[in-house]
Amino acid sequence: SIPVEWRTNWTQLEYLWLNENLIGPELSISDFNFTSNKTLSVDLSNNKIERITFDDVVMNKTREDEEEPVHKYHVIWLNDNPWVCDCRNLNLARYISGHLKLSFKVDIRGFPCEYPLHYLTNPEDCIDN
């Protein structure tokens, strides 16, 4: 995972290059909740990331619950990782497609998995074989 100190203490961070660092196989969407006051670009390409999990706390606190609107966002580059396109990555696909909102804005690029629209709107129907 991404060290907590990097996400919470570096408020002026603009670029974070973590590509080719053998990070993975699993990260949490909370790992992308940086407190930087800047629009931040994080390069996690060419790692070992197979999945990004969503914890219930993050999912239950949507942007609409926030007192102030989100003015900044972060761009996360995830190209060239060994993704596993199964139901455990469905929430990531739902977030990218706009079917799931979070308490922070992340522009995730390089996620290759595609899911039928039915699963994006009815995630409980997604069952791995």
C-alpha atoms as a PDB file:
ATOM      1  CA  SER A   1       0.000   0.000   0.000  1.00  0.00           C
ATOM      2  CA  ILE A   2       0.942   3.656  -0.190  1.00  0.00           C
ATOM      3  CA  PRO A   3       2.429   4.862   3.124  1.00  0.00           C
ATOM      4  CA  VAL A   4      -0.037   6.869   5.220  1.00  0.00           C
ATOM      5  CA  GLU A   5       2.526   9.620   5.811  1.00  0.00           C
ATOM      6  CA  TRP A   6       2.717  10.296   2.079  1.00  0.00           C
ATOM      7  CA  ARG A   7      -1.062  10.636   1.853  1.00  0.00           C
ATOM      8  CA  THR A   8      -1.543  12.791   4.961  1.00  0.00           C
ATOM      9  CA  ASN A   9       1.624  14.843   5.584  1.00  0.00           C
ATOM     10  CA  TRP A  10       2.647  16.027   2.128  1.00  0.00           C
ATOM     11  CA  THR A  11       0.063  18.751   1.531  1.00  0.00           C
ATOM     12  CA  GLN A  12       1.975  20.378  -1.369  1.00  0.00           C
ATOM     13  CA  LEU A  13       2.609  17.141  -3.270  1.00  0.00           C
ATOM     14  CA  GLU A  14       1.917  17.406  -7.020  1.00  0.00           C
ATOM     15  CA  TYR A  15       3.650  14.361  -8.533  1.00  0.00           C
ATOM     16  CA  LEU A  16       4.314  10.935  -7.068  1.00  0.00           C
ATOM     17  CA  TRP A  17       6.114   8.421  -9.275  1.00  0.00           C
ATOM     18  CA  LEU A  18       5.670   4.912  -7.888  1.00  0.00           C
ATOM     19  CA  ASN A  19       5.862   3.062 -11.183  1.00  0.00           C
ATOM     20  CA  GLU A  20       7.883  -0.151 -11.397  1.00  0.00           C
ATOM     21  CA  ASN A  21       8.012  -0.681  -7.619  1.00  0.00           C
ATOM     22  CA  LEU A  22       6.365  -4.128  -7.344  1.00  0.00           C
ATOM     23  CA  ILE A  23       3.374  -2.591  -5.500  1.00  0.00           C
ATOM     24  CA  GLY A  24       0.432  -4.969  -5.189  1.00  0.00           C
ATOM     25  CA  PRO A  25      -1.290  -7.303  -5.635  1.00  0.00           C
ATOM     26  CA  GLU A  26      -4.067  -5.411  -3.853  1.00  0.00           C
ATOM     27  CA  LEU A  27      -4.644  -1.771  -2.908  1.00  0.00           C
ATOM     28  CA  SER A  28      -7.585  -0.075  -1.231  1.00  0.00           C
ATOM     29  CA  ILE A  29      -9.374   2.875  -2.803  1.00  0.00           C
ATOM     30  CA  SER A  30      -8.545   4.649   0.482  1.00  0.00           C
ATOM     31  CA  ASP A  31      -4.883   4.548  -0.587  1.00  0.00           C
ATOM     32  CA  PHE A  32      -5.786   7.262  -3.120  1.00  0.00           C
ATOM     33  CA  ASN A  33      -7.296   9.683  -0.588  1.00  0.00           C
ATOM     34  CA  PHE A  34      -4.426  12.176  -0.473  1.00  0.00           C
ATOM     35  CA  THR A  35      -4.620  15.409   1.544  1.00  0.00           C
ATOM     36  CA  SER A  36      -2.494  17.354  -0.926  1.00  0.00           C
ATOM     37  CA  ASN A  37      -3.849  20.848  -1.591  1.00  0.00           C
ATOM     38  CA  LYS A  38      -2.730  20.486  -5.210  1.00  0.00           C
ATOM     39  CA  THR A  39      -4.111  18.473  -8.076  1.00  0.00           C
ATOM     40  CA  LEU A  40      -1.934  15.401  -7.720  1.00  0.00           C
ATOM     41  CA  SER A  41      -0.702  12.914 -10.338  1.00  0.00           C
ATOM     42  CA  VAL A  42       0.284   9.476  -9.030  1.00  0.00           C
ATOM     43  CA  ASP A  43       1.907   7.011 -11.414  1.00  0.00           C
ATOM     44  CA  LEU A  44       1.370   3.404 -10.311  1.00  0.00           C
ATOM     45  CA  SER A  45       1.906   1.907 -13.745  1.00  0.00           C
ATOM     46  CA  ASN A  46       3.982  -1.236 -14.257  1.00  0.00           C
ATOM     47  CA  ASN A  47       3.468  -2.618 -10.766  1.00  0.00           C
ATOM     48  CA  LYS A  48       1.810  -5.840  -9.575  1.00  0.00           C
ATOM     49  CA  ILE A  49      -1.700  -4.453  -8.934  1.00  0.00           C
ATOM     50  CA  GLU A  50      -4.464  -6.986  -9.561  1.00  0.00           C
ATOM     51  CA  ARG A  51      -7.294  -5.441  -7.531  1.00  0.00           C
ATOM     52  CA  ILE A  52      -8.450  -2.283  -5.845  1.00  0.00           C
ATOM     53  CA  THR A  53     -10.815  -2.924  -2.948  1.00  0.00           C
ATOM     54  CA  PHE A  54     -13.476  -0.559  -1.649  1.00  0.00           C
ATOM     55  CA  ASP A  55     -14.108  -0.496   2.078  1.00  0.00           C
ATOM     56  CA  ASP A  56     -17.600   0.168   3.452  1.00  0.00           C
ATOM     57  CA  VAL A  57     -16.590   3.390   5.243  1.00  0.00           C
ATOM     58  CA  VAL A  58     -15.447   5.039   2.016  1.00  0.00           C
ATOM     59  CA  MET A  59     -18.448   3.791   0.056  1.00  0.00           C
ATOM     60  CA  ASN A  60     -21.007   4.921   2.629  1.00  0.00           C
ATOM     61  CA  LYS A  61     -19.655   8.484   2.767  1.00  0.00           C
ATOM     62  CA  THR A  62     -20.406   9.923  -0.660  1.00  0.00           C
ATOM     63  CA  ARG A  63     -19.444  13.363  -1.937  1.00  0.00           C
ATOM     64  CA  GLU A  64     -23.023  14.526  -1.332  1.00  0.00           C
ATOM     65  CA  ASP A  65     -22.433  13.965   2.401  1.00  0.00           C
ATOM     66  CA  GLU A  66     -19.563  16.458   2.431  1.00  0.00           C
ATOM     67  CA  GLU A  67     -20.144  19.969   3.755  1.00  0.00           C
ATOM     68  CA  GLU A  68     -17.896  21.510   1.093  1.00  0.00           C
ATOM     69  CA  PRO A  69     -17.722  20.548  -2.583  1.00  0.00           C
ATOM     70  CA  VAL A  70     -14.630  18.826  -3.920  1.00  0.00           C
ATOM     71  CA  HIS A  71     -12.439  21.436  -5.671  1.00  0.00           C
ATOM     72  CA  LYS A  72      -9.410  19.284  -6.377  1.00  0.00           C
ATOM     73  CA  TYR A  73      -8.931  15.785  -7.621  1.00  0.00           C
ATOM     74  CA  HIS A  74      -6.120  13.348  -8.168  1.00  0.00           C
ATOM     75  CA  VAL A  75      -5.124  11.518 -11.338  1.00  0.00           C
ATOM     76  CA  ILE A  76      -3.996   7.938 -10.754  1.00  0.00           C
ATOM     77  CA  TRP A  77      -2.210   6.112 -13.584  1.00  0.00           C
ATOM     78  CA  LEU A  78      -2.671   2.333 -13.377  1.00  0.00           C
ATOM     79  CA  ASN A  79      -1.520   1.180 -16.817  1.00  0.00           C
ATOM     80  CA  ASP A  80       0.296  -2.097 -17.383  1.00  0.00           C
ATOM     81  CA  ASN A  81      -0.633  -3.921 -14.202  1.00  0.00           C
ATOM     82  CA  PRO A  82      -1.726  -7.601 -14.146  1.00  0.00           C
ATOM     83  CA  TRP A  83      -5.434  -6.847 -13.487  1.00  0.00           C
ATOM     84  CA  VAL A  84      -7.878  -9.600 -12.566  1.00  0.00           C
ATOM     85  CA  CYS A  85     -11.196  -8.691 -14.194  1.00  0.00           C
ATOM     86  CA  ASP A  86     -13.616 -10.372 -11.793  1.00  0.00           C
ATOM     87  CA  CYS A  87     -16.444  -9.282  -9.511  1.00  0.00           C
ATOM     88  CA  ARG A  88     -13.999  -8.146  -6.829  1.00  0.00           C
ATOM     89  CA  ASN A  89     -12.967  -5.284  -9.149  1.00  0.00           C
ATOM     90  CA  LEU A  90     -16.558  -4.398 -10.020  1.00  0.00           C
ATOM     91  CA  ASN A  91     -16.738  -1.437  -7.615  1.00  0.00           C
ATOM     92  CA  LEU A  92     -13.719   0.104  -9.325  1.00  0.00           C
ATOM     93  CA  ALA A  93     -15.480  -0.232 -12.687  1.00  0.00           C
ATOM     94  CA  ARG A  94     -18.658   1.218 -11.146  1.00  0.00           C
ATOM     95  CA  TYR A  95     -16.707   4.203  -9.811  1.00  0.00           C
ATOM     96  CA  ILE A  96     -14.961   4.855 -13.142  1.00  0.00           C
ATOM     97  CA  SER A  97     -18.272   4.680 -15.033  1.00  0.00           C
ATOM     98  CA  GLY A  98     -20.012   7.070 -12.620  1.00  0.00           C
ATOM     99  CA  HIS A  99     -22.277   4.467 -11.003  1.00  0.00           C
ATOM    100  CA  LEU A 100     -20.578   4.828  -7.612  1.00  0.00           C
ATOM    101  CA  LYS A 101     -19.502   8.045  -5.881  1.00  0.00           C
ATOM    102  CA  LEU A 102     -16.876   8.517  -3.181  1.00  0.00           C
ATOM    103  CA  SER A 103     -16.004  11.178  -0.626  1.00  0.00           C
ATOM    104  CA  PHE A 104     -13.048  12.242  -2.814  1.00  0.00           C
ATOM    105  CA  LYS A 105     -12.460  12.559  -6.548  1.00  0.00           C
ATOM    106  CA  VAL A 106      -9.958  10.323  -8.293  1.00  0.00           C
ATOM    107  CA  ASP A 107      -9.446  10.156 -12.052  1.00  0.00           C
ATOM    108  CA  ILE A 108      -8.307   6.574 -12.590  1.00  0.00           C
ATOM    109  CA  ARG A 109      -6.660   5.856 -15.917  1.00  0.00           C
ATOM    110  CA  GLY A 110      -5.449   2.602 -17.412  1.00  0.00           C
ATOM    111  CA  PHE A 111      -8.003   0.154 -15.951  1.00  0.00           C
ATOM    112  CA  PRO A 112      -8.684  -2.345 -18.760  1.00  0.00           C
ATOM    113  CA  CYS A 113     -11.610  -4.337 -17.343  1.00  0.00           C
ATOM    114  CA  GLU A 114     -15.055  -3.952 -18.893  1.00  0.00           C
ATOM    115  CA  TYR A 115     -18.321  -5.109 -17.350  1.00  0.00           C
ATOM    116  CA  PRO A 116     -21.857  -5.325 -18.739  1.00  0.00           C
ATOM    117  CA  LEU A 117     -24.036  -2.317 -17.840  1.00  0.00           C
ATOM    118  CA  HIS A 118     -26.334  -4.665 -15.903  1.00  0.00           C
ATOM    119  CA  TYR A 119     -23.533  -5.440 -13.427  1.00  0.00           C
ATOM    120  CA  LEU A 120     -22.634  -1.757 -13.075  1.00  0.00           C
ATOM    121  CA  THR A 121     -26.200  -0.925 -12.022  1.00  0.00           C
ATOM    122  CA  ASN A 122     -26.898  -4.230 -10.204  1.00  0.00           C
ATOM    123  CA  PRO A 123     -23.588  -5.273  -8.618  1.00  0.00           C
ATOM    124  CA  GLU A 124     -25.258  -7.911  -6.454  1.00  0.00           C
ATOM    125  CA  ASP A 125     -25.824  -9.947  -9.646  1.00  0.00           C
ATOM    126  CA  CYS A 126     -22.101 -10.267 -10.391  1.00  0.00           C
ATOM    127  CA  ILE A 127     -20.948 -13.782  -9.488  1.00  0.00           C
ATOM    128  CA  ASP A 128     -17.517 -15.173 -10.331  1.00  0.00           C
ATOM    129  CA  ASN A 129     -17.466 -18.660 -11.762  1.00  0.00           C
END
